[in-house]
N, C-alpha and C. Protein backbone atom coordinates (compact mmCIF):
# COMPACT_ATOMS: atom_id res chain seq x y z
N MET A 1 123.19 56.94 -86.72
CA MET A 1 123.09 55.76 -87.45
C MET A 1 122.34 54.34 -86.16
N THR A 2 121.54 53.59 -86.54
CA THR A 2 121.14 52.71 -86.31
C THR A 2 121.46 51.56 -86.61
N VAL A 3 122.21 50.66 -85.13
CA VAL A 3 122.55 49.56 -85.28
C VAL A 3 121.39 48.24 -85.09
N PRO A 4 121.80 47.39 -86.00
CA PRO A 4 120.95 46.23 -86.22
C PRO A 4 120.51 45.61 -85.22
N ALA A 5 119.36 45.28 -84.82
CA ALA A 5 119.22 44.34 -83.54
C ALA A 5 119.91 42.63 -83.78
N LYS A 6 120.43 42.05 -82.68
CA LYS A 6 120.82 41.03 -83.04
C LYS A 6 119.98 39.99 -82.31
N ALA A 7 120.18 38.72 -82.61
CA ALA A 7 119.28 37.87 -81.50
C ALA A 7 120.46 36.50 -81.59
N HIS A 8 120.31 36.25 -80.12
CA HIS A 8 120.85 34.68 -80.27
C HIS A 8 120.51 34.18 -79.45
N GLU A 9 120.59 32.55 -79.76
CA GLU A 9 120.06 31.23 -79.58
C GLU A 9 120.99 30.61 -78.59
N HIS A 10 120.11 30.18 -77.67
CA HIS A 10 120.95 29.51 -76.64
C HIS A 10 120.25 28.00 -75.99
N LEU A 11 120.70 26.94 -75.50
CA LEU A 11 120.06 26.19 -75.11
C LEU A 11 119.58 26.60 -73.60
N CYS A 12 118.40 25.52 -73.16
CA CYS A 12 118.41 25.84 -71.77
C CYS A 12 117.82 24.27 -71.26
N ARG A 13 118.51 24.16 -70.19
CA ARG A 13 118.09 22.89 -69.46
C ARG A 13 117.54 22.95 -68.21
N ARG A 14 116.18 22.56 -68.01
CA ARG A 14 115.56 22.79 -66.71
C ARG A 14 116.17 21.70 -65.73
N LEU A 15 116.39 22.16 -64.73
CA LEU A 15 116.70 20.86 -63.99
C LEU A 15 115.53 21.28 -62.82
N VAL A 16 114.68 19.58 -62.27
CA VAL A 16 113.97 19.53 -61.07
C VAL A 16 114.26 18.27 -60.33
N ILE A 17 114.47 19.00 -59.34
CA ILE A 17 115.08 18.33 -58.15
C ILE A 17 114.28 18.08 -56.96
N ALA A 18 113.94 16.65 -56.50
CA ALA A 18 113.27 16.61 -55.50
C ALA A 18 113.75 16.49 -54.43
N LEU A 19 113.49 17.58 -53.42
CA LEU A 19 114.22 17.78 -51.92
C LEU A 19 113.54 16.98 -50.94
N PRO A 20 114.38 16.41 -49.74
CA PRO A 20 113.90 15.69 -48.45
C PRO A 20 113.12 16.55 -48.09
N GLY A 21 111.71 16.08 -47.22
CA GLY A 21 111.12 16.53 -46.46
C GLY A 21 109.68 17.36 -46.95
N THR A 22 109.34 17.82 -46.14
CA THR A 22 107.95 18.89 -46.53
C THR A 22 108.56 20.24 -47.33
N TYR A 23 107.02 20.66 -48.48
CA TYR A 23 107.59 22.29 -48.59
C TYR A 23 108.20 22.99 -47.81
N GLU A 24 107.41 23.15 -46.76
CA GLU A 24 107.78 24.28 -45.55
C GLU A 24 109.22 24.13 -45.32
N GLN A 25 109.70 22.93 -45.31
CA GLN A 25 111.18 22.16 -44.70
C GLN A 25 112.09 22.90 -45.79
N ALA A 26 111.80 22.16 -46.76
CA ALA A 26 112.40 22.67 -47.84
C ALA A 26 113.13 24.08 -48.59
N ARG A 27 111.66 24.73 -48.13
CA ARG A 27 111.78 25.97 -48.25
C ARG A 27 112.69 27.02 -47.04
N GLU A 28 112.49 26.68 -45.96
CA GLU A 28 113.06 26.79 -44.81
C GLU A 28 114.94 26.40 -44.71
N ARG A 29 115.23 25.20 -45.43
CA ARG A 29 116.24 24.67 -45.50
C ARG A 29 117.07 25.60 -46.62
N PHE A 30 116.18 25.88 -47.71
CA PHE A 30 117.05 27.03 -48.80
C PHE A 30 117.32 28.34 -48.43
N GLU A 31 116.23 28.97 -47.65
CA GLU A 31 116.91 29.96 -47.16
C GLU A 31 117.75 30.71 -46.05
N ARG A 32 118.10 29.36 -45.26
CA ARG A 32 119.26 29.63 -44.54
C ARG A 32 120.32 29.05 -45.38
N ALA A 33 120.36 28.02 -46.30
CA ALA A 33 121.59 28.30 -47.29
C ALA A 33 121.66 29.26 -47.91
N VAL A 34 120.74 29.61 -48.61
CA VAL A 34 121.09 30.75 -49.35
C VAL A 34 120.22 32.29 -48.78
N PRO A 35 121.20 32.93 -47.70
CA PRO A 35 120.69 34.40 -46.89
C PRO A 35 120.30 35.69 -47.90
N VAL A 36 119.60 36.00 -47.76
CA VAL A 36 119.21 37.44 -48.15
C VAL A 36 120.56 38.55 -48.34
N ALA A 37 120.50 39.27 -49.62
CA ALA A 37 121.92 39.81 -49.69
C ALA A 37 121.82 41.08 -48.74
N ASP A 38 123.06 41.16 -48.44
CA ASP A 38 122.86 42.13 -47.43
C ASP A 38 123.78 43.80 -48.53
N GLU A 39 122.25 44.18 -49.15
CA GLU A 39 122.04 44.93 -49.99
C GLU A 39 123.05 46.32 -49.20
N LEU A 40 122.66 46.83 -48.00
CA LEU A 40 123.15 48.19 -47.21
C LEU A 40 124.54 47.74 -47.19
N GLY A 41 125.06 46.82 -46.64
CA GLY A 41 126.56 46.17 -46.64
C GLY A 41 127.27 46.63 -48.36
N PHE A 42 126.68 45.70 -48.98
CA PHE A 42 127.26 46.18 -50.21
C PHE A 42 127.18 47.45 -50.91
N ALA A 43 126.50 48.65 -50.70
CA ALA A 43 126.65 49.74 -50.84
C ALA A 43 127.29 50.38 -50.31
N ALA A 44 127.98 50.22 -48.73
CA ALA A 44 128.59 50.73 -48.05
C ALA A 44 129.99 50.50 -48.36
N ALA A 45 130.40 49.53 -49.07
CA ALA A 45 131.49 49.17 -49.48
C ALA A 45 132.34 50.31 -49.87
N ARG A 46 133.38 50.02 -49.39
CA ARG A 46 134.58 51.32 -49.98
C ARG A 46 135.48 50.83 -51.18
N SER A 47 135.54 49.17 -51.38
CA SER A 47 136.67 48.79 -51.97
C SER A 47 136.00 47.64 -52.92
N TRP A 48 136.51 47.46 -54.04
CA TRP A 48 135.84 46.18 -54.44
C TRP A 48 136.35 44.79 -53.69
N ARG A 49 137.64 45.10 -52.73
CA ARG A 49 138.08 44.02 -51.47
C ARG A 49 137.06 44.01 -50.56
N GLU A 50 136.10 44.92 -50.19
CA GLU A 50 135.42 44.69 -49.05
C GLU A 50 134.10 44.50 -49.50
N VAL A 51 133.96 44.51 -50.99
CA VAL A 51 132.40 43.63 -51.72
C VAL A 51 132.87 42.23 -51.94
N ALA A 52 133.85 41.72 -52.24
CA ALA A 52 134.46 40.27 -52.00
C ALA A 52 134.24 39.82 -50.61
N ILE A 53 134.82 40.41 -49.79
CA ILE A 53 135.06 39.58 -48.61
C ILE A 53 133.27 39.56 -47.94
N LEU A 54 132.73 40.45 -48.11
CA LEU A 54 131.18 40.65 -47.85
C LEU A 54 130.48 39.74 -48.70
N ALA A 55 130.67 39.73 -50.12
CA ALA A 55 130.03 38.35 -50.68
C ALA A 55 130.35 37.05 -50.01
N LYS A 56 131.63 36.75 -49.73
CA LYS A 56 132.23 35.61 -49.44
C LYS A 56 131.38 34.81 -47.85
N THR A 57 131.26 35.90 -47.06
CA THR A 57 130.33 36.14 -45.72
C THR A 57 128.97 35.76 -45.86
N ASN A 58 128.52 36.90 -46.99
CA ASN A 58 127.13 36.78 -47.10
C ASN A 58 126.38 35.42 -47.64
N ALA A 59 127.34 35.02 -48.61
CA ALA A 59 126.58 33.73 -49.33
C ALA A 59 127.66 32.67 -49.26
N PRO A 60 127.41 32.00 -47.92
CA PRO A 60 128.88 30.79 -47.43
C PRO A 60 128.37 29.62 -48.37
N ASN A 61 127.53 29.30 -49.29
CA ASN A 61 127.39 28.34 -50.31
C ASN A 61 127.06 28.76 -51.79
N GLY A 62 127.85 29.93 -51.68
CA GLY A 62 128.00 30.40 -53.05
C GLY A 62 127.06 31.64 -53.65
N PHE A 63 126.05 31.28 -53.12
CA PHE A 63 124.89 32.09 -53.56
C PHE A 63 124.23 33.16 -52.56
N MET A 64 123.21 34.30 -53.17
CA MET A 64 122.72 34.82 -51.66
C MET A 64 121.68 35.30 -52.43
N ARG A 65 120.60 35.65 -51.79
CA ARG A 65 119.17 35.83 -52.61
C ARG A 65 119.01 37.79 -53.03
N PHE A 66 118.31 38.05 -53.74
CA PHE A 66 118.00 39.15 -54.13
C PHE A 66 116.82 39.36 -54.16
N ARG A 67 115.71 38.51 -54.00
CA ARG A 67 114.11 38.64 -54.42
C ARG A 67 113.68 37.25 -54.04
N ARG A 68 112.51 37.51 -53.39
CA ARG A 68 111.47 36.53 -53.28
C ARG A 68 110.19 36.51 -53.45
N GLY A 69 109.67 35.90 -54.20
CA GLY A 69 107.86 36.35 -54.49
C GLY A 69 107.44 35.05 -54.23
N ASP A 70 106.18 34.93 -53.64
CA ASP A 70 105.58 33.70 -53.15
C ASP A 70 104.24 33.98 -54.24
N VAL A 71 104.61 32.67 -55.31
CA VAL A 71 103.25 32.42 -56.41
C VAL A 71 101.93 32.14 -55.59
N ALA A 72 101.64 32.30 -54.45
CA ALA A 72 100.38 31.58 -53.86
C ALA A 72 99.88 32.70 -53.60
N VAL A 73 100.38 34.03 -53.75
CA VAL A 73 99.55 35.16 -53.41
C VAL A 73 98.73 35.82 -54.69
N LEU A 74 99.07 35.25 -55.94
CA LEU A 74 97.98 35.67 -56.59
C LEU A 74 96.80 35.72 -56.53
N PRO A 75 95.87 36.29 -57.11
CA PRO A 75 94.38 36.42 -56.82
C PRO A 75 93.91 35.16 -57.02
N ALA A 76 92.98 34.72 -56.37
CA ALA A 76 92.36 33.38 -56.41
C ALA A 76 91.96 32.76 -57.96
N GLY A 77 91.58 33.76 -58.72
CA GLY A 77 91.20 33.39 -59.85
C GLY A 77 92.26 33.13 -60.86
N LEU A 78 93.40 33.49 -60.84
CA LEU A 78 94.44 33.53 -61.77
C LEU A 78 95.19 32.06 -61.68
N SER A 79 95.10 31.60 -60.70
CA SER A 79 95.86 30.09 -60.58
C SER A 79 95.70 29.47 -59.47
N PRO A 80 95.77 27.98 -60.16
CA PRO A 80 95.21 26.78 -58.89
C PRO A 80 96.34 27.16 -57.42
N ARG A 81 95.56 26.93 -56.18
CA ARG A 81 96.08 27.14 -55.26
C ARG A 81 97.16 26.06 -55.10
N GLY A 82 98.29 26.68 -54.51
CA GLY A 82 99.34 25.66 -54.54
C GLY A 82 100.39 26.34 -53.61
N GLN A 83 101.48 25.66 -53.44
CA GLN A 83 102.94 26.45 -52.43
C GLN A 83 103.98 26.22 -53.54
N ALA A 84 104.16 27.43 -53.87
CA ALA A 84 105.47 27.70 -54.75
C ALA A 84 106.10 29.01 -54.59
N ILE A 85 107.37 29.05 -54.10
CA ILE A 85 108.09 30.64 -54.08
C ILE A 85 109.35 30.63 -54.69
N GLN A 86 109.31 31.95 -55.80
CA GLN A 86 110.60 32.06 -56.43
C GLN A 86 111.29 33.01 -56.31
N TYR A 87 112.70 32.66 -56.32
CA TYR A 87 113.77 33.33 -55.89
C TYR A 87 114.74 33.77 -56.83
N LEU A 88 115.11 34.98 -56.75
CA LEU A 88 116.41 35.40 -57.55
C LEU A 88 117.53 35.70 -56.67
N MET A 89 118.48 34.57 -57.24
CA MET A 89 119.78 34.20 -56.00
C MET A 89 121.00 34.41 -57.42
N GLY A 90 122.25 34.91 -56.35
CA GLY A 90 123.06 35.40 -57.33
C GLY A 90 124.53 35.46 -56.69
N ASN A 91 125.68 36.45 -56.85
CA ASN A 91 126.61 36.80 -56.27
C ASN A 91 126.82 37.63 -56.69
N HIS A 92 127.57 39.06 -56.23
CA HIS A 92 127.79 40.33 -56.73
C HIS A 92 129.51 39.91 -57.56
N VAL A 93 130.29 39.08 -56.58
CA VAL A 93 131.65 38.84 -57.18
C VAL A 93 131.54 38.09 -58.86
N ILE A 94 130.68 37.26 -58.58
CA ILE A 94 130.50 36.21 -59.92
C ILE A 94 129.46 37.32 -61.00
N THR A 95 128.79 38.17 -60.61
CA THR A 95 128.04 39.07 -61.53
C THR A 95 128.81 40.13 -61.99
N GLU A 96 130.36 40.50 -61.26
CA GLU A 96 130.97 41.81 -61.76
C GLU A 96 132.35 41.00 -62.77
N MET A 97 132.14 39.62 -62.47
CA MET A 97 133.07 38.84 -63.59
C MET A 97 132.75 38.59 -64.75
N VAL A 98 131.06 38.62 -65.43
CA VAL A 98 130.61 38.54 -66.20
C VAL A 98 129.90 39.34 -67.13
N PHE A 99 129.83 40.83 -65.84
CA PHE A 99 129.67 42.09 -66.78
C PHE A 99 130.67 42.34 -67.48
N ARG A 100 132.14 42.68 -66.64
CA ARG A 100 133.60 42.93 -67.42
C ARG A 100 133.44 42.45 -68.83
N ARG A 101 133.06 41.14 -68.85
CA ARG A 101 133.10 40.83 -70.38
C ARG A 101 131.85 40.96 -71.09
N GLU A 102 130.83 40.50 -70.87
CA GLU A 102 129.71 40.81 -71.78
C GLU A 102 128.24 41.64 -71.00
N PRO A 103 128.28 42.63 -70.80
CA PRO A 103 126.79 43.20 -69.89
C PRO A 103 125.58 42.22 -70.31
N SER A 104 125.49 42.11 -71.31
CA SER A 104 124.39 41.48 -71.90
C SER A 104 124.15 40.16 -71.08
N ALA A 105 125.23 39.68 -70.66
CA ALA A 105 125.01 38.01 -69.74
C ALA A 105 124.28 38.61 -68.31
N MET A 106 123.97 39.99 -68.08
CA MET A 106 123.24 40.38 -66.90
C MET A 106 122.12 39.66 -67.01
N LEU A 107 121.82 39.26 -67.79
CA LEU A 107 120.18 38.67 -67.92
C LEU A 107 120.20 37.08 -67.41
N HIS A 108 121.35 36.67 -66.88
CA HIS A 108 121.40 35.05 -66.41
C HIS A 108 122.34 35.24 -64.98
N THR A 109 122.91 36.18 -64.44
CA THR A 109 123.47 36.00 -63.68
C THR A 109 122.72 35.99 -62.13
N ALA A 110 121.66 36.65 -61.87
CA ALA A 110 120.65 36.56 -61.22
C ALA A 110 119.79 35.24 -61.55
N LEU A 111 119.93 34.28 -60.91
CA LEU A 111 119.31 32.90 -61.31
C LEU A 111 118.05 32.59 -61.05
N PRO A 112 117.14 32.51 -61.65
CA PRO A 112 115.60 32.45 -60.95
C PRO A 112 115.29 30.77 -60.56
N VAL A 113 115.15 30.65 -59.30
CA VAL A 113 115.24 29.35 -58.89
C VAL A 113 113.28 29.48 -58.14
N LEU A 114 113.13 28.29 -58.03
CA LEU A 114 111.70 27.91 -57.45
C LEU A 114 111.61 26.72 -56.99
N ILE A 115 111.20 27.01 -55.45
CA ILE A 115 110.89 25.82 -54.30
C ILE A 115 109.39 25.74 -54.25
N TYR A 116 108.89 24.47 -54.79
CA TYR A 116 107.41 24.10 -54.84
C TYR A 116 106.70 22.90 -54.53
N ARG A 117 105.79 22.98 -54.17
CA ARG A 117 104.95 21.42 -53.54
C ARG A 117 104.29 20.89 -54.71
N ASP A 118 104.68 19.61 -55.45
CA ASP A 118 104.07 19.13 -57.05
C ASP A 118 102.80 18.87 -56.72
N ARG A 119 102.43 17.71 -57.51
CA ARG A 119 100.91 17.41 -57.54
C ARG A 119 101.03 16.52 -56.36
N GLN A 120 101.74 15.91 -56.47
CA GLN A 120 101.60 14.42 -55.37
C GLN A 120 102.17 15.23 -53.73
N GLY A 121 102.28 16.25 -53.79
CA GLY A 121 102.74 16.93 -52.39
C GLY A 121 104.61 16.76 -51.98
N ARG A 122 105.22 16.45 -53.16
CA ARG A 122 106.60 16.63 -52.85
C ARG A 122 107.05 17.89 -52.75
N ALA A 123 108.11 17.99 -52.04
CA ALA A 123 109.09 19.54 -52.34
C ALA A 123 109.99 19.25 -53.43
N ARG A 124 110.36 20.50 -54.44
CA ARG A 124 111.03 20.23 -55.35
C ARG A 124 111.20 21.75 -55.86
N LEU A 125 112.95 22.01 -56.33
CA LEU A 125 113.49 22.84 -56.22
C LEU A 125 113.41 22.84 -58.15
N ALA A 126 113.38 23.57 -58.94
CA ALA A 126 113.50 24.20 -60.19
C ALA A 126 114.11 25.27 -60.22
N VAL A 127 115.40 25.08 -61.48
CA VAL A 127 116.39 26.06 -61.86
C VAL A 127 116.62 25.66 -63.47
N ASP A 128 117.07 26.54 -64.04
CA ASP A 128 117.77 26.28 -65.46
C ASP A 128 119.09 26.17 -65.32
N GLN A 129 119.87 25.60 -65.86
CA GLN A 129 121.09 24.91 -65.81
C GLN A 129 121.87 26.23 -66.11
N PRO A 130 122.96 26.76 -65.40
CA PRO A 130 123.23 28.01 -65.62
C PRO A 130 124.53 27.83 -66.67
N SER A 131 125.53 26.85 -66.84
CA SER A 131 126.36 26.83 -67.84
C SER A 131 125.98 27.05 -69.21
N LEU A 132 124.97 26.36 -69.64
CA LEU A 132 124.05 26.42 -70.84
C LEU A 132 123.60 27.60 -71.46
N LEU A 133 123.01 28.60 -70.28
CA LEU A 133 122.54 29.94 -70.50
C LEU A 133 124.11 30.94 -71.10
N PHE A 134 124.85 30.44 -70.36
CA PHE A 134 126.22 31.17 -70.59
C PHE A 134 127.19 31.03 -71.44
N ALA A 135 126.90 29.61 -72.14
CA ALA A 135 127.95 28.85 -73.29
C ALA A 135 126.75 29.83 -74.31
N GLY A 136 125.87 30.68 -74.42
CA GLY A 136 125.32 31.09 -75.63
C GLY A 136 125.88 32.56 -76.15
N TYR A 137 126.90 32.88 -75.23
CA TYR A 137 127.37 34.33 -75.37
C TYR A 137 128.69 34.14 -76.06
N ASP A 138 129.16 32.54 -76.88
CA ASP A 138 129.87 32.33 -77.19
C ASP A 138 131.31 33.29 -77.08
N ASP A 139 131.62 33.35 -75.49
CA ASP A 139 132.87 33.74 -75.11
C ASP A 139 133.14 32.86 -73.96
N PRO A 140 134.13 32.49 -74.40
CA PRO A 140 135.10 31.47 -73.28
C PRO A 140 135.07 31.86 -71.87
N ASP A 141 135.19 32.59 -71.74
CA ASP A 141 135.11 33.26 -70.37
C ASP A 141 134.14 32.98 -69.39
N VAL A 142 133.03 33.80 -70.20
CA VAL A 142 131.80 33.71 -70.01
C VAL A 142 130.97 32.51 -69.39
N THR A 143 131.73 31.53 -70.71
CA THR A 143 131.07 30.09 -70.07
C THR A 143 131.88 29.74 -69.30
N THR A 144 133.07 29.88 -68.91
CA THR A 144 133.65 28.86 -67.73
C THR A 144 132.73 29.61 -66.51
N VAL A 145 132.64 30.67 -66.61
CA VAL A 145 131.81 31.58 -65.41
C VAL A 145 130.57 30.68 -65.31
N GLY A 146 129.54 30.25 -66.26
CA GLY A 146 128.55 29.26 -66.21
C GLY A 146 128.73 28.06 -65.62
N GLU A 147 130.01 27.44 -66.06
CA GLU A 147 130.15 26.27 -65.34
C GLU A 147 130.66 26.26 -64.03
N HIS A 148 131.25 27.59 -63.65
CA HIS A 148 131.74 27.75 -62.17
C HIS A 148 130.23 27.73 -61.27
N LEU A 149 129.24 28.46 -61.70
CA LEU A 149 128.06 28.30 -60.93
C LEU A 149 127.17 27.08 -61.37
N ASP A 150 127.24 26.30 -61.94
CA ASP A 150 126.95 25.10 -62.35
C ASP A 150 127.10 24.11 -60.89
N ALA A 151 128.93 24.30 -61.05
CA ALA A 151 129.42 23.72 -59.48
C ALA A 151 128.53 24.14 -58.11
N LEU A 152 128.46 25.06 -57.91
CA LEU A 152 128.05 26.12 -57.13
C LEU A 152 126.93 25.46 -56.77
N LEU A 153 125.90 25.46 -57.82
CA LEU A 153 124.44 24.61 -57.87
C LEU A 153 124.57 23.42 -57.29
N ALA A 154 125.48 22.67 -58.27
CA ALA A 154 125.50 21.20 -57.37
C ALA A 154 125.95 21.04 -56.09
N ARG A 155 126.87 22.00 -55.63
CA ARG A 155 127.06 21.81 -54.08
C ARG A 155 125.56 22.32 -53.35
N LEU A 156 124.92 23.28 -53.66
CA LEU A 156 124.10 24.00 -53.11
C LEU A 156 122.88 22.74 -52.82
N ILE A 157 122.67 21.98 -54.15
CA ILE A 157 121.73 20.91 -53.88
C ILE A 157 122.06 19.91 -53.05
N CYS A 158 123.46 19.84 -52.89
CA CYS A 158 124.01 18.40 -51.73
C CYS A 158 123.52 19.02 -50.71
N VAL A 159 123.77 20.50 -50.18
CA VAL A 159 123.43 21.27 -49.20
C VAL A 159 121.91 21.12 -48.61
N LEU A 160 121.24 21.04 -49.67
CA LEU A 160 119.83 20.79 -49.47
C LEU A 160 119.03 19.66 -49.33
N GLY A 161 119.96 18.55 -49.37
CA GLY A 161 119.44 17.22 -49.42
C GLY A 161 119.30 16.38 -50.63
N GLY A 162 119.24 17.12 -51.68
CA GLY A 162 119.56 16.66 -52.85
C GLY A 162 119.73 15.71 -53.78
N CYS A 163 119.59 15.06 -54.65
CA CYS A 163 120.35 14.41 -55.53
C CYS A 163 120.87 15.25 -56.63
N VAL A 164 122.31 15.39 -57.12
CA VAL A 164 122.96 16.13 -58.00
C VAL A 164 122.43 15.63 -59.75
N PRO A 165 121.97 16.45 -60.27
CA PRO A 165 121.58 15.49 -61.89
C PRO A 165 123.27 15.38 -62.56
N GLU A 166 123.32 14.54 -63.11
CA GLU A 166 124.56 13.92 -63.69
C GLU A 166 125.14 15.49 -64.45
N GLY A 167 124.64 16.00 -65.10
CA GLY A 167 125.37 17.02 -65.51
C GLY A 167 125.68 18.31 -65.09
N LEU A 168 125.30 17.94 -63.56
CA LEU A 168 126.38 19.16 -62.88
C LEU A 168 127.13 18.52 -61.84
N GLY A 169 126.84 17.29 -61.58
CA GLY A 169 128.14 16.60 -60.94
C GLY A 169 129.12 16.28 -60.92
N SER A 170 129.44 16.54 -62.67
CA SER A 170 131.15 16.14 -62.90
C SER A 170 131.25 17.91 -62.41
N ALA A 171 130.93 18.98 -62.88
CA ALA A 171 131.08 20.17 -62.41
C ALA A 171 131.94 20.57 -60.96
N LEU A 172 131.38 19.72 -60.50
CA LEU A 172 131.86 19.67 -58.97
C LEU A 172 133.51 19.80 -58.95
N VAL A 173 133.50 18.49 -59.53
CA VAL A 173 135.02 18.19 -59.28
C VAL A 173 135.52 18.53 -60.32
N ASP A 174 135.43 18.27 -61.66
CA ASP A 174 136.49 18.46 -62.85
C ASP A 174 136.57 19.84 -62.94
N HIS A 175 135.81 20.45 -63.17
CA HIS A 175 136.04 22.26 -63.12
C HIS A 175 136.55 23.24 -62.06
N HIS A 176 135.80 22.64 -60.94
CA HIS A 176 136.12 23.76 -59.70
C HIS A 176 137.00 22.80 -58.43
N GLY A 177 137.06 21.67 -58.90
CA GLY A 177 137.45 20.80 -57.19
C GLY A 177 137.11 21.00 -56.21
N LEU A 178 135.50 21.46 -56.45
CA LEU A 178 134.42 21.87 -55.44
C LEU A 178 134.16 20.26 -54.97
N LEU A 179 134.01 19.61 -53.19
CA LEU A 179 133.51 18.40 -53.52
C LEU A 179 132.15 18.89 -53.09
N PRO A 180 131.01 17.73 -52.77
CA PRO A 180 129.59 18.14 -52.32
C PRO A 180 129.81 18.34 -50.69
N ALA A 181 129.15 18.74 -50.50
CA ALA A 181 128.85 19.53 -48.82
C ALA A 181 129.09 18.59 -48.30
N GLY A 182 129.90 18.40 -46.87
CA GLY A 182 129.98 17.36 -45.85
C GLY A 182 130.83 16.71 -46.10
N ARG A 183 131.56 16.74 -47.51
CA ARG A 183 132.79 16.03 -47.77
C ARG A 183 134.17 16.97 -47.97
N ALA A 184 135.21 16.38 -47.12
CA ALA A 184 136.28 17.25 -47.39
C ALA A 184 137.15 16.56 -47.85
């Protein structure tokens, strides 16, 4: 028996954050704050406890990088020359919490992030707000994970020296008791 296809609509809010310094400095700060995932370590983990410990160690700011793609390496005729690097960042523990509830939400557990130089030469970070993506699954537990990702994203923006947008700032304290980096 064939099951009919389903379509789900959700809101999307793109956040574009000004970052201090040059594009190169912003990229370097991001790559220090969001280290490459230790995939060999995760593959070698013998228990969920080991995975959780490795995730905490590997993601000091809540996220680790799964992929990096330099947008500027496209063939010259396909795009204007500029500086932009796209990343996928996430966290194995957070991914597992979502997968347990709603496997299709895996579409959003690795967050696409873009660090780029805008037309005026300023460094920017662009990312879609996680809580709005996760709210589209109509599951309060999945929505809560999205709100937690908002809080982690807000904290990362602080670490990078950016100003946290209003919609994310309240997530830091209201939902998860997280304070901006550098304030205890």
